[in-house]
Amino acid sequence: MADPTHLHHAIDYVELTVTDLAEAKRFYRGAFDWEFTDYGPAYAGIRNATGDGEVGGLRLDTEAAGRGGPLVLLFSADLHATVAAVGAAGGRIVKGPYEFPGGRRFHFRDPSGNELGVWSEG
C-alpha cells in the first residue's frame, strides 16, 4: 500500500547541494527555523514543519549547484521579517522584494550559492 503522505505527481522532496554541510544547516536553521535529521557526514534530511517526515535534504559536494537548476520557492507570512532573517543568517538577497501577480517575492543565495525564492500574498 502506498504511503498516503506522498501524492502522485506532486513535488515530494527537494535536495540542495551544499559545499559545507554544517554552514548550510546553520544558515537554514537561522533563516527559516528548519530542523534536520543527520544521515552521516555528507547528508542531512530537512524535516517537515509538522515534524512528520521530511521534505528535502542537504547533500554535501565539492561544488554547489548554484544557478541554473530548478528554483525552489518558499512561502512567508511576513516577507519583510523573512528578508531580515535571511540576511542575518548570512544569505545574500539577489533580487527584490518585488511585486508579481500573486503577491510579493524575493530571491536569495545561500552560503553555497544555491538560489531560492520566497513569496508572500499581497
PDB file of N, CA and C in Angstrom:
ATOM      1  N   MET A   1       0.842  -1.187   0.000  1.00  0.00           N
ATOM      2  CA  MET A   1       0.000   0.000   0.000  1.00  0.00           C
ATOM      3  C   MET A   1       0.885   1.248   0.000  1.00  0.00           C
ATOM      4  N   ALA A   2       0.550   2.235  -0.795  1.00  0.00           N
ATOM      5  CA  ALA A   2       1.324   3.469  -0.898  1.00  0.00           C
ATOM      6  C   ALA A   2       1.155   4.325   0.353  1.00  0.00           C
ATOM      7  N   ASP A   3       2.208   5.071   0.671  1.00  0.00           N
ATOM      8  CA  ASP A   3       2.176   5.991   1.800  1.00  0.00           C
ATOM      9  C   ASP A   3       1.238   7.141   1.441  1.00  0.00           C
ATOM     10  N   PRO A   4       0.165   7.406   2.226  1.00  0.00           N
ATOM     11  CA  PRO A   4      -0.800   8.455   1.871  1.00  0.00           C
ATOM     12  C   PRO A   4      -0.236   9.871   1.966  1.00  0.00           C
ATOM     13  N   THR A   5       0.946  10.061   2.579  1.00  0.00           N
ATOM     14  CA  THR A   5       1.527  11.396   2.652  1.00  0.00           C
ATOM     15  C   THR A   5       2.259  11.765   1.372  1.00  0.00           C
ATOM     16  N   HIS A   6       2.482  10.798   0.485  1.00  0.00           N
ATOM     17  CA  HIS A   6       3.141  11.054  -0.789  1.00  0.00           C
ATOM     18  C   HIS A   6       2.077  11.071  -1.882  1.00  0.00           C
ATOM     19  N   LEU A   7       1.915  12.197  -2.548  1.00  0.00           N
ATOM     20  CA  LEU A   7       0.866  12.369  -3.540  1.00  0.00           C
ATOM     21  C   LEU A   7       1.412  12.160  -4.947  1.00  0.00           C
ATOM     22  N   HIS A   8       0.699  11.394  -5.738  1.00  0.00           N
ATOM     23  CA  HIS A   8       1.074  11.096  -7.109  1.00  0.00           C
ATOM     24  C   HIS A   8       1.288  12.378  -7.906  1.00  0.00           C
ATOM     25  N   HIS A   9       2.448  12.516  -8.522  1.00  0.00           N
ATOM     26  CA  HIS A   9       2.843  13.621  -9.389  1.00  0.00           C
ATOM     27  C   HIS A   9       3.033  14.944  -8.646  1.00  0.00           C
ATOM     28  N   ALA A  10       3.066  14.941  -7.331  1.00  0.00           N
ATOM     29  CA  ALA A  10       3.292  16.160  -6.553  1.00  0.00           C
ATOM     30  C   ALA A  10       4.786  16.285  -6.217  1.00  0.00           C
ATOM     31  N   ILE A  11       5.267  17.507  -6.050  1.00  0.00           N
ATOM     32  CA  ILE A  11       6.642  17.687  -5.584  1.00  0.00           C
ATOM     33  C   ILE A  11       6.720  17.064  -4.202  1.00  0.00           C
ATOM     34  N   ASP A  12       7.648  16.148  -4.031  1.00  0.00           N
ATOM     35  CA  ASP A  12       7.704  15.365  -2.810  1.00  0.00           C
ATOM     36  C   ASP A  12       8.961  15.635  -1.987  1.00  0.00           C
ATOM     37  N   TYR A  13      10.054  16.055  -2.632  1.00  0.00           N
ATOM     38  CA  TYR A  13      11.331  16.166  -1.937  1.00  0.00           C
ATOM     39  C   TYR A  13      12.220  17.094  -2.751  1.00  0.00           C
ATOM     40  N   VAL A  14      12.923  17.999  -2.104  1.00  0.00           N
ATOM     41  CA  VAL A  14      13.849  18.904  -2.768  1.00  0.00           C
ATOM     42  C   VAL A  14      15.216  18.721  -2.123  1.00  0.00           C
ATOM     43  N   GLU A  15      16.205  18.477  -2.951  1.00  0.00           N
ATOM     44  CA  GLU A  15      17.555  18.258  -2.433  1.00  0.00           C
ATOM     45  C   GLU A  15      18.458  19.398  -2.897  1.00  0.00           C
ATOM     46  N   LEU A  16      19.150  20.031  -1.948  1.00  0.00           N
ATOM     47  CA  LEU A  16      20.070  21.118  -2.246  1.00  0.00           C
ATOM     48  C   LEU A  16      21.497  20.620  -2.096  1.00  0.00           C
ATOM     49  N   THR A  17      22.338  20.910  -3.078  1.00  0.00           N
ATOM     50  CA  THR A  17      23.755  20.586  -2.992  1.00  0.00           C
ATOM     51  C   THR A  17      24.446  21.712  -2.249  1.00  0.00           C
ATOM     52  N   VAL A  18      25.254  21.367  -1.236  1.00  0.00           N
ATOM     53  CA  VAL A  18      25.945  22.373  -0.430  1.00  0.00           C
ATOM     54  C   VAL A  18      27.425  22.030  -0.331  1.00  0.00           C
ATOM     55  N   THR A  19      28.258  23.045  -0.169  1.00  0.00           N
ATOM     56  CA  THR A  19      29.699  22.827  -0.069  1.00  0.00           C
ATOM     57  C   THR A  19      30.174  22.692   1.371  1.00  0.00           C
ATOM     58  N   ASP A  20      29.367  23.092   2.333  1.00  0.00           N
ATOM     59  CA  ASP A  20      29.707  22.988   3.755  1.00  0.00           C
ATOM     60  C   ASP A  20      28.412  22.642   4.490  1.00  0.00           C
ATOM     61  N   LEU A  21      28.271  21.383   4.893  1.00  0.00           N
ATOM     62  CA  LEU A  21      27.015  20.917   5.481  1.00  0.00           C
ATOM     63  C   LEU A  21      26.693  21.632   6.792  1.00  0.00           C
ATOM     64  N   ALA A  22      27.687  21.801   7.649  1.00  0.00           N
ATOM     65  CA  ALA A  22      27.439  22.477   8.932  1.00  0.00           C
ATOM     66  C   ALA A  22      26.989  23.921   8.713  1.00  0.00           C
ATOM     67  N   GLU A  23      27.622  24.626   7.781  1.00  0.00           N
ATOM     68  CA  GLU A  23      27.254  26.012   7.490  1.00  0.00           C
ATOM     69  C   GLU A  23      25.858  26.088   6.881  1.00  0.00           C
ATOM     70  N   ALA A  24      25.528  25.151   5.998  1.00  0.00           N
ATOM     71  CA  ALA A  24      24.194  25.145   5.387  1.00  0.00           C
ATOM     72  C   ALA A  24      23.120  24.916   6.450  1.00  0.00           C
ATOM     73  N   LYS A  25      23.355  23.974   7.354  1.00  0.00           N
ATOM     74  CA  LYS A  25      22.389  23.728   8.423  1.00  0.00           C
ATOM     75  C   LYS A  25      22.247  24.961   9.309  1.00  0.00           C
ATOM     76  N   ARG A  26      23.350  25.621   9.636  1.00  0.00           N
ATOM     77  CA  ARG A  26      23.305  26.823  10.457  1.00  0.00           C
ATOM     78  C   ARG A  26      22.495  27.907   9.751  1.00  0.00           C
ATOM     79  N   PHE A  27      22.744  28.101   8.448  1.00  0.00           N
ATOM     80  CA  PHE A  27      22.034  29.124   7.691  1.00  0.00           C
ATOM     81  C   PHE A  27      20.534  28.859   7.663  1.00  0.00           C
ATOM     82  N   TYR A  28      20.116  27.677   7.245  1.00  0.00           N
ATOM     83  CA  TYR A  28      18.681  27.390   7.108  1.00  0.00           C
ATOM     84  C   TYR A  28      17.974  27.322   8.463  1.00  0.00           C
ATOM     85  N   ARG A  29      18.672  26.903   9.502  1.00  0.00           N
ATOM     86  CA  ARG A  29      18.082  26.941  10.847  1.00  0.00           C
ATOM     87  C   ARG A  29      17.888  28.393  11.272  1.00  0.00           C
ATOM     88  N   GLY A  30      18.883  29.243  11.013  1.00  0.00           N
ATOM     89  CA  GLY A  30      18.805  30.648  11.405  1.00  0.00           C
ATOM     90  C   GLY A  30      17.811  31.452  10.592  1.00  0.00           C
ATOM     91  N   ALA A  31      17.728  31.184   9.284  1.00  0.00           N
ATOM     92  CA  ALA A  31      16.843  31.964   8.420  1.00  0.00           C
ATOM     93  C   ALA A  31      15.397  31.493   8.476  1.00  0.00           C
ATOM     94  N   PHE A  32      15.173  30.170   8.581  1.00  0.00           N
ATOM     95  CA  PHE A  32      13.818  29.631   8.440  1.00  0.00           C
ATOM     96  C   PHE A  32      13.389  28.682   9.567  1.00  0.00           C
ATOM     97  N   ASP A  33      14.215  28.514  10.586  1.00  0.00           N
ATOM     98  CA  ASP A  33      13.918  27.611  11.707  1.00  0.00           C
ATOM     99  C   ASP A  33      13.794  26.151  11.269  1.00  0.00           C
ATOM    100  N   TRP A  34      14.475  25.765  10.192  1.00  0.00           N
ATOM    101  CA  TRP A  34      14.422  24.377   9.748  1.00  0.00           C
ATOM    102  C   TRP A  34      15.153  23.474  10.732  1.00  0.00           C
ATOM    103  N   GLU A  35      14.687  22.263  10.853  1.00  0.00           N
ATOM    104  CA  GLU A  35      15.341  21.229  11.658  1.00  0.00           C
ATOM    105  C   GLU A  35      15.791  20.107  10.730  1.00  0.00           C
ATOM    106  N   PHE A  36      16.783  19.331  11.156  1.00  0.00           N
ATOM    107  CA  PHE A  36      17.415  18.348  10.285  1.00  0.00           C
ATOM    108  C   PHE A  36      17.562  16.987  10.953  1.00  0.00           C
ATOM    109  N   THR A  37      17.647  15.965  10.130  1.00  0.00           N
ATOM    110  CA  THR A  37      17.999  14.619  10.556  1.00  0.00           C
ATOM    111  C   THR A  37      19.317  14.289   9.869  1.00  0.00           C
ATOM    112  N   ASP A  38      20.352  14.051  10.650  1.00  0.00           N
ATOM    113  CA  ASP A  38      21.665  13.745  10.087  1.00  0.00           C
ATOM    114  C   ASP A  38      21.748  12.281   9.673  1.00  0.00           C
ATOM    115  N   TYR A  39      22.278  12.062   8.465  1.00  0.00           N
ATOM    116  CA  TYR A  39      22.473  10.711   7.938  1.00  0.00           C
ATOM    117  C   TYR A  39      23.941  10.493   7.610  1.00  0.00           C
ATOM    118  N   GLY A  40      24.814  10.914   8.474  1.00  0.00           N
ATOM    119  CA  GLY A  40      26.246  10.789   8.244  1.00  0.00           C
ATOM    120  C   GLY A  40      26.865  12.135   7.912  1.00  0.00           C
ATOM    121  N   PRO A  41      28.143  12.139   7.548  1.00  0.00           N
ATOM    122  CA  PRO A  41      28.859  13.404   7.353  1.00  0.00           C
ATOM    123  C   PRO A  41      28.526  14.140   6.054  1.00  0.00           C
ATOM    124  N   ALA A  42      27.771  13.529   5.135  1.00  0.00           N
ATOM    125  CA  ALA A  42      27.548  14.151   3.837  1.00  0.00           C
ATOM    126  C   ALA A  42      26.080  14.386   3.501  1.00  0.00           C
ATOM    127  N   TYR A  43      25.161  14.158   4.470  1.00  0.00           N
ATOM    128  CA  TYR A  43      23.747  14.339   4.143  1.00  0.00           C
ATOM    129  C   TYR A  43      22.944  14.641   5.404  1.00  0.00           C
ATOM    130  N   ALA A  44      22.005  15.592   5.254  1.00  0.00           N
ATOM    131  CA  ALA A  44      21.067  15.905   6.334  1.00  0.00           C
ATOM    132  C   ALA A  44      19.682  16.058   5.720  1.00  0.00           C
ATOM    133  N   GLY A  45      18.705  15.348   6.249  1.00  0.00           N
ATOM    134  CA  GLY A  45      17.329  15.477   5.796  1.00  0.00           C
ATOM    135  C   GLY A  45      16.704  16.726   6.386  1.00  0.00           C
ATOM    136  N   ILE A  46      15.867  17.408   5.604  1.00  0.00           N
ATOM    137  CA  ILE A  46      15.147  18.593   6.072  1.00  0.00           C
ATOM    138  C   ILE A  46      13.798  18.111   6.586  1.00  0.00           C
ATOM    139  N   ARG A  47      13.562  18.266   7.876  1.00  0.00           N
ATOM    140  CA  ARG A  47      12.314  17.798   8.479  1.00  0.00           C
ATOM    141  C   ARG A  47      11.129  18.655   8.044  1.00  0.00           C
ATOM    142  N   ASN A  48      10.004  18.013   7.855  1.00  0.00           N
ATOM    143  CA  ASN A  48       8.754  18.699   7.555  1.00  0.00           C
ATOM    144  C   ASN A  48       8.406  19.612   8.730  1.00  0.00           C
ATOM    145  N   ALA A  49       7.852  20.774   8.450  1.00  0.00           N
ATOM    146  CA  ALA A  49       7.493  21.726   9.511  1.00  0.00           C
ATOM    147  C   ALA A  49       6.511  21.136  10.511  1.00  0.00           C
ATOM    148  N   THR A  50       5.732  20.128  10.107  1.00  0.00           N
ATOM    149  CA  THR A  50       4.794  19.488  11.022  1.00  0.00           C
ATOM    150  C   THR A  50       5.493  18.502  11.946  1.00  0.00           C
ATOM    151  N   GLY A  51       6.776  18.218  11.663  1.00  0.00           N
ATOM    152  CA  GLY A  51       7.515  17.246  12.454  1.00  0.00           C
ATOM    153  C   GLY A  51       7.344  15.823  11.963  1.00  0.00           C
ATOM    154  N   ASP A  52       6.514  15.637  10.946  1.00  0.00           N
ATOM    155  CA  ASP A  52       6.220  14.304  10.420  1.00  0.00           C
ATOM    156  C   ASP A  52       6.905  14.120   9.074  1.00  0.00           C
ATOM    157  N   GLY A  53       7.980  13.382   9.036  1.00  0.00           N
ATOM    158  CA  GLY A  53       8.667  13.108   7.786  1.00  0.00           C
ATOM    159  C   GLY A  53       9.630  14.200   7.364  1.00  0.00           C
ATOM    160  N   GLU A  54      10.041  14.119   6.104  1.00  0.00           N
ATOM    161  CA  GLU A  54      10.997  15.069   5.539  1.00  0.00           C
ATOM    162  C   GLU A  54      10.476  15.614   4.219  1.00  0.00           C
ATOM    163  N   VAL A  55      10.927  16.822   3.887  1.00  0.00           N
ATOM    164  CA  VAL A  55      10.544  17.460   2.638  1.00  0.00           C
ATOM    165  C   VAL A  55      11.726  17.637   1.689  1.00  0.00           C
ATOM    166  N   GLY A  56      12.913  17.341   2.170  1.00  0.00           N
ATOM    167  CA  GLY A  56      14.089  17.513   1.337  1.00  0.00           C
ATOM    168  C   GLY A  56      15.349  17.160   2.083  1.00  0.00           C
ATOM    169  N   GLY A  57      16.482  17.538   1.475  1.00  0.00           N
ATOM    170  CA  GLY A  57      17.754  17.236   2.088  1.00  0.00           C
ATOM    171  C   GLY A  57      18.843  18.182   1.633  1.00  0.00           C
ATOM    172  N   LEU A  58      19.919  18.187   2.403  1.00  0.00           N
ATOM    173  CA  LEU A  58      21.135  18.913   2.065  1.00  0.00           C
ATOM    174  C   LEU A  58      22.202  17.867   1.768  1.00  0.00           C
ATOM    175  N   ARG A  59      22.759  17.913   0.547  1.00  0.00           N
ATOM    176  CA  ARG A  59      23.748  16.918   0.129  1.00  0.00           C
ATOM    177  C   ARG A  59      25.088  17.601  -0.062  1.00  0.00           C
ATOM    178  N   LEU A  60      26.112  17.115   0.630  1.00  0.00           N
ATOM    179  CA  LEU A  60      27.454  17.679   0.558  1.00  0.00           C
ATOM    180  C   LEU A  60      28.126  17.274  -0.746  1.00  0.00           C
ATOM    181  N   ASP A  61      28.731  18.259  -1.413  1.00  0.00           N
ATOM    182  CA  ASP A  61      29.510  18.020  -2.628  1.00  0.00           C
ATOM    183  C   ASP A  61      30.587  19.092  -2.683  1.00  0.00           C
ATOM    184  N   THR A  62      31.635  18.862  -3.458  1.00  0.00           N
ATOM    185  CA  THR A  62      32.717  19.837  -3.542  1.00  0.00           C
ATOM    186  C   THR A  62      32.308  21.069  -4.335  1.00  0.00           C
ATOM    187  N   GLU A  63      31.307  20.931  -5.193  1.00  0.00           N
ATOM    188  CA  GLU A  63      30.813  22.061  -5.967  1.00  0.00           C
ATOM    189  C   GLU A  63      29.312  22.211  -5.741  1.00  0.00           C
ATOM    190  N   ALA A  64      28.887  23.428  -5.410  1.00  0.00           N
ATOM    191  CA  ALA A  64      27.450  23.680  -5.217  1.00  0.00           C
ATOM    192  C   ALA A  64      26.753  23.743  -6.561  1.00  0.00           C
ATOM    193  N   ALA A  65      25.467  23.456  -6.561  1.00  0.00           N
ATOM    194  CA  ALA A  65      24.678  23.515  -7.788  1.00  0.00           C
ATOM    195  C   ALA A  65      24.573  24.941  -8.299  1.00  0.00           C
ATOM    196  N   GLY A  66      24.400  25.909  -7.385  1.00  0.00           N
ATOM    197  CA  GLY A  66      24.300  27.308  -7.777  1.00  0.00           C
ATOM    198  C   GLY A  66      23.121  27.583  -8.681  1.00  0.00           C
ATOM    199  N   ARG A  67      23.303  28.515  -9.596  1.00  0.00           N
ATOM    200  CA  ARG A  67      22.219  28.916 -10.503  1.00  0.00           C
ATOM    201  C   ARG A  67      22.061  27.901 -11.620  1.00  0.00           C
ATOM    202  N   GLY A  68      20.887  27.904 -12.213  1.00  0.00           N
ATOM    203  CA  GLY A  68      20.649  27.074 -13.370  1.00  0.00           C
ATOM    204  C   GLY A  68      19.770  25.870 -13.099  1.00  0.00           C
ATOM    205  N   GLY A  69      19.630  25.489 -11.850  1.00  0.00           N
ATOM    206  CA  GLY A  69      18.752  24.382 -11.508  1.00  0.00           C
ATOM    207  C   GLY A  69      17.346  24.897 -11.286  1.00  0.00           C
ATOM    208  N   PRO A  70      16.456  24.038 -10.830  1.00  0.00           N
ATOM    209  CA  PRO A  70      15.098  24.489 -10.546  1.00  0.00           C
ATOM    210  C   PRO A  70      15.091  25.540  -9.437  1.00  0.00           C
ATOM    211  N   LEU A  71      14.165  26.474  -9.525  1.00  0.00           N
ATOM    212  CA  LEU A  71      14.039  27.494  -8.490  1.00  0.00           C
ATOM    213  C   LEU A  71      13.048  27.002  -7.452  1.00  0.00           C
ATOM    214  N   VAL A  72      13.514  26.827  -6.239  1.00  0.00           N
ATOM    215  CA  VAL A  72      12.670  26.411  -5.127  1.00  0.00           C
ATOM    216  C   VAL A  72      12.090  27.671  -4.497  1.00  0.00           C
ATOM    217  N   LEU A  73      10.760  27.696  -4.319  1.00  0.00           N
ATOM    218  CA  LEU A  73      10.097  28.840  -3.697  1.00  0.00           C
ATOM    219  C   LEU A  73       9.523  28.440  -2.347  1.00  0.00           C
ATOM    220  N   LEU A  74       9.798  29.258  -1.348  1.00  0.00           N
ATOM    221  CA  LEU A  74       9.259  29.085  -0.007  1.00  0.00           C
ATOM    222  C   LEU A  74       8.173  30.131   0.193  1.00  0.00           C
ATOM    223  N   PHE A  75       7.224  29.874   1.083  1.00  0.00           N
ATOM    224  CA  PHE A  75       6.172  30.825   1.410  1.00  0.00           C
ATOM    225  C   PHE A  75       6.507  31.519   2.716  1.00  0.00           C
ATOM    226  N   SER A  76       6.153  32.799   2.836  1.00  0.00           N
ATOM    227  CA  SER A  76       6.335  33.547   4.075  1.00  0.00           C
ATOM    228  C   SER A  76       5.063  34.315   4.404  1.00  0.00           C
ATOM    229  N   ALA A  77       4.649  34.256   5.655  1.00  0.00           N
ATOM    230  CA  ALA A  77       3.514  35.050   6.119  1.00  0.00           C
ATOM    231  C   ALA A  77       3.938  36.492   6.391  1.00  0.00           C
ATOM    232  N   ASP A  78       5.262  36.752   6.502  1.00  0.00           N
ATOM    233  CA  ASP A  78       5.794  38.085   6.768  1.00  0.00           C
ATOM    234  C   ASP A  78       7.075  38.255   5.961  1.00  0.00           C
ATOM    235  N   LEU A  79       6.945  38.715   4.722  1.00  0.00           N
ATOM    236  CA  LEU A  79       8.075  38.796   3.808  1.00  0.00           C
ATOM    237  C   LEU A  79       9.189  39.684   4.350  1.00  0.00           C
ATOM    238  N   HIS A  80       8.829  40.823   4.940  1.00  0.00           N
ATOM    239  CA  HIS A  80       9.834  41.743   5.484  1.00  0.00           C
ATOM    240  C   HIS A  80      10.691  41.045   6.551  1.00  0.00           C
ATOM    241  N   ALA A  81      10.055  40.317   7.458  1.00  0.00           N
ATOM    242  CA  ALA A  81      10.795  39.606   8.502  1.00  0.00           C
ATOM    243  C   ALA A  81      11.668  38.508   7.908  1.00  0.00           C
ATOM    244  N   THR A  82      11.190  37.845   6.856  1.00  0.00           N
ATOM    245  CA  THR A  82      11.977  36.789   6.229  1.00  0.00           C
ATOM    246  C   THR A  82      13.197  37.354   5.521  1.00  0.00           C
ATOM    247  N   VAL A  83      13.047  38.494   4.848  1.00  0.00           N
ATOM    248  CA  VAL A  83      14.207  39.159   4.238  1.00  0.00           C
ATOM    249  C   VAL A  83      15.260  39.435   5.309  1.00  0.00           C
ATOM    250  N   ALA A  84      14.827  39.952   6.441  1.00  0.00           N
ATOM    251  CA  ALA A  84      15.752  40.261   7.533  1.00  0.00           C
ATOM    252  C   ALA A  84      16.418  38.999   8.078  1.00  0.00           C
ATOM    253  N   ALA A  85      15.649  37.932   8.243  1.00  0.00           N
ATOM    254  CA  ALA A  85      16.209  36.682   8.782  1.00  0.00           C
ATOM    255  C   ALA A  85      17.219  36.067   7.816  1.00  0.00           C
ATOM    256  N   VAL A  86      16.934  36.107   6.521  1.00  0.00           N
ATOM    257  CA  VAL A  86      17.871  35.577   5.527  1.00  0.00           C
ATOM    258  C   VAL A  86      19.182  36.357   5.582  1.00  0.00           C
ATOM    259  N   GLY A  87      19.095  37.671   5.627  1.00  0.00           N
ATOM    260  CA  GLY A  87      20.300  38.494   5.714  1.00  0.00           C
ATOM    261  C   GLY A  87      21.076  38.260   6.995  1.00  0.00           C
ATOM    262  N   ALA A  88      20.369  38.175   8.120  1.00  0.00           N
ATOM    263  CA  ALA A  88      21.026  37.953   9.414  1.00  0.00           C
ATOM    264  C   ALA A  88      21.717  36.595   9.483  1.00  0.00           C
ATOM    265  N   ALA A  89      21.170  35.615   8.765  1.00  0.00           N
ATOM    266  CA  ALA A  89      21.762  34.277   8.775  1.00  0.00           C
ATOM    267  C   ALA A  89      22.927  34.154   7.796  1.00  0.00           C
ATOM    268  N   GLY A  90      23.161  35.184   6.980  1.00  0.00           N
ATOM    269  CA  GLY A  90      24.293  35.160   6.060  1.00  0.00           C
ATOM    270  C   GLY A  90      23.936  34.937   4.612  1.00  0.00           C
ATOM    271  N   GLY A  91      22.636  34.990   4.276  1.00  0.00           N
ATOM    272  CA  GLY A  91      22.219  34.863   2.888  1.00  0.00           C
ATOM    273  C   GLY A  91      22.399  36.188   2.163  1.00  0.00           C
ATOM    274  N   ARG A  92      22.434  36.126   0.843  1.00  0.00           N
ATOM    275  CA  ARG A  92      22.594  37.333   0.041  1.00  0.00           C
ATOM    276  C   ARG A  92      21.355  37.514  -0.828  1.00  0.00           C
ATOM    277  N   ILE A  93      20.646  38.621  -0.634  1.00  0.00           N
ATOM    278  CA  ILE A  93      19.464  38.929  -1.439  1.00  0.00           C
ATOM    279  C   ILE A  93      19.955  39.314  -2.834  1.00  0.00           C
ATOM    280  N   VAL A  94      19.443  38.627  -3.870  1.00  0.00           N
ATOM    281  CA  VAL A  94      19.904  38.890  -5.233  1.00  0.00           C
ATOM    282  C   VAL A  94      18.823  39.522  -6.108  1.00  0.00           C
ATOM    283  N   LYS A  95      17.572  39.534  -5.634  1.00  0.00           N
ATOM    284  CA  LYS A  95      16.501  40.157  -6.413  1.00  0.00           C
ATOM    285  C   LYS A  95      15.330  40.481  -5.486  1.00  0.00           C
ATOM    286  N   GLY A  96      14.865  41.713  -5.565  1.00  0.00           N
ATOM    287  CA  GLY A  96      13.664  42.097  -4.836  1.00  0.00           C
ATOM    288  C   GLY A  96      13.922  42.532  -3.411  1.00  0.00           C
ATOM    289  N   PRO A  97      12.831  42.574  -2.659  1.00  0.00           N
ATOM    290  CA  PRO A  97      11.466  42.138  -2.935  1.00  0.00           C
ATOM    291  C   PRO A  97      10.823  42.944  -4.057  1.00  0.00           C
ATOM    292  N   TYR A  98       9.937  42.263  -4.786  1.00  0.00           N
ATOM    293  CA  TYR A  98       9.251  42.894  -5.902  1.00  0.00           C
ATOM    294  C   TYR A  98       7.838  42.337  -6.011  1.00  0.00           C
ATOM    295  N   GLU A  99       6.982  43.105  -6.688  1.00  0.00           N
ATOM    296  CA  GLU A  99       5.589  42.707  -6.908  1.00  0.00           C
ATOM    297  C   GLU A  99       5.524  41.711  -8.063  1.00  0.00           C
ATOM    298  N   PHE A 100       4.632  40.752  -7.972  1.00  0.00           N
ATOM    299  CA  PHE A 100       4.308  39.870  -9.091  1.00  0.00           C
ATOM    300  C   PHE A 100       2.813  39.590  -8.993  1.00  0.00           C
ATOM    301  N   PRO A 101       2.186  39.010 -10.001  1.00  0.00           N
ATOM    302  CA  PRO A 101       0.723  38.881  -9.992  1.00  0.00           C
ATOM    303  C   PRO A 101       0.132  38.176  -8.773  1.00  0.00           C
ATOM    304  N   GLY A 102       0.878  37.327  -8.079  1.00  0.00           N
ATOM    305  CA  GLY A 102       0.341  36.636  -6.911  1.00  0.00           C
ATOM    306  C   GLY A 102       0.677  37.276  -5.584  1.00  0.00           C
ATOM    307  N   GLY A 103       1.463  38.360  -5.587  1.00  0.00           N
ATOM    308  CA  GLY A 103       1.864  38.997  -4.336  1.00  0.00           C
ATOM    309  C   GLY A 103       3.221  39.664  -4.452  1.00  0.00           C
ATOM    310  N   ARG A 104       4.120  39.349  -3.512  1.00  0.00           N
ATOM    311  CA  ARG A 104       5.485  39.891  -3.498  1.00  0.00           C
ATOM    312  C   ARG A 104       6.452  38.743  -3.279  1.00  0.00           C
ATOM    313  N   ARG A 105       7.692  38.908  -3.768  1.00  0.00           N
ATOM    314  CA  ARG A 105       8.703  37.876  -3.549  1.00  0.00           C
ATOM    315  C   ARG A 105      10.097  38.437  -3.661  1.00  0.00           C
ATOM    316  N   PHE A 106      11.064  37.651  -3.209  1.00  0.00           N
ATOM    317  CA  PHE A 106      12.473  37.985  -3.378  1.00  0.00           C
ATOM    318  C   PHE A 106      13.237  36.699  -3.613  1.00  0.00           C
ATOM    319  N   HIS A 107      14.458  36.846  -4.154  1.00  0.00           N
ATOM    320  CA  HIS A 107      15.360  35.715  -4.354  1.00  0.00           C
ATOM    321  C   HIS A 107      16.609  35.948  -3.519  1.00  0.00           C
ATOM    322  N   PHE A 108      17.202  34.854  -3.048  1.00  0.00           N
ATOM    323  CA  PHE A 108      18.437  34.950  -2.275  1.00  0.00           C
ATOM    324  C   PHE A 108      19.351  33.796  -2.646  1.00  0.00           C
ATOM    325  N   ARG A 109      20.625  33.938  -2.263  1.00  0.00           N
ATOM    326  CA  ARG A 109      21.591  32.852  -2.395  1.00  0.00           C
ATOM    327  C   ARG A 109      22.033  32.447  -1.000  1.00  0.00           C
ATOM    328  N   ASP A 110      22.086  31.125  -0.790  1.00  0.00           N
ATOM    329  CA  ASP A 110      22.582  30.612   0.482  1.00  0.00           C
ATOM    330  C   ASP A 110      24.112  30.623   0.457  1.00  0.00           C
ATOM    331  N   PRO A 111      24.784  30.275   1.560  1.00  0.00           N
ATOM    332  CA  PRO A 111      26.246  30.315   1.589  1.00  0.00           C
ATOM    333  C   PRO A 111      26.928  29.415   0.558  1.00  0.00           C
ATOM    334  N   SER A 112      26.246  28.408   0.028  1.00  0.00           N
ATOM    335  CA  SER A 112      26.838  27.548  -1.002  1.00  0.00           C
ATOM    336  C   SER A 112      26.532  28.034  -2.416  1.00  0.00           C
ATOM    337  N   GLY A 113      25.746  29.099  -2.551  1.00  0.00           N
ATOM    338  CA  GLY A 113      25.438  29.658  -3.859  1.00  0.00           C
ATOM    339  C   GLY A 113      24.113  29.210  -4.459  1.00  0.00           C
ATOM    340  N   ASN A 114      23.345  28.362  -3.752  1.00  0.00           N
ATOM    341  CA  ASN A 114      22.025  27.968  -4.247  1.00  0.00           C
ATOM    342  C   ASN A 114      21.098  29.173  -4.234  1.00  0.00           C
ATOM    343  N   GLU A 115      20.361  29.381  -5.320  1.00  0.00           N
ATOM    344  CA  GLU A 115      19.386  30.478  -5.381  1.00  0.00           C
ATOM    345  C   GLU A 115      17.991  29.934  -5.122  1.00  0.00           C
ATOM    346  N   LEU A 116      17.302  30.524  -4.152  1.00  0.00           N
ATOM    347  CA  LEU A 116      15.935  30.169  -3.811  1.00  0.00           C
ATOM    348  C   LEU A 116      15.112  31.450  -3.795  1.00  0.00           C
ATOM    349  N   GLY A 117      13.789  31.298  -3.806  1.00  0.00           N
ATOM    350  CA  GLY A 117      12.899  32.438  -3.719  1.00  0.00           C
ATOM    351  C   GLY A 117      11.957  32.293  -2.542  1.00  0.00           C
ATOM    352  N   VAL A 118      11.435  33.407  -2.082  1.00  0.00           N
ATOM    353  CA  VAL A 118      10.430  33.416  -1.026  1.00  0.00           C
ATOM    354  C   VAL A 118       9.315  34.344  -1.489  1.00  0.00           C
ATOM    355  N   TRP A 119       8.056  33.883  -1.352  1.00  0.00           N
ATOM    356  CA  TRP A 119       6.933  34.713  -1.781  1.00  0.00           C
ATOM    357  C   TRP A 119       5.938  34.881  -0.654  1.00  0.00           C
ATOM    358  N   SER A 120       5.116  35.914  -0.802  1.00  0.00           N
ATOM    359  CA  SER A 120       4.075  36.223   0.174  1.00  0.00           C
ATOM    360  C   SER A 120       2.867  36.779  -0.571  1.00  0.00           C
ATOM    361  N   GLU A 121       1.702  36.511  -0.059  1.00  0.00           N
ATOM    362  CA  GLU A 121       0.484  37.055  -0.659  1.00  0.00           C
ATOM    363  C   GLU A 121       0.428  38.561  -0.415  1.00  0.00           C
ATOM    364  N   GLY A 122      -0.188  39.266  -1.380  1.00  0.00           N
ATOM    365  CA  GLY A 122      -0.420  40.709  -1.253  1.00  0.00           C
ATOM    366  C   GLY A 122       0.727  41.434  -0.777  1.00  0.00           C
TER     367      GLY A 122
END
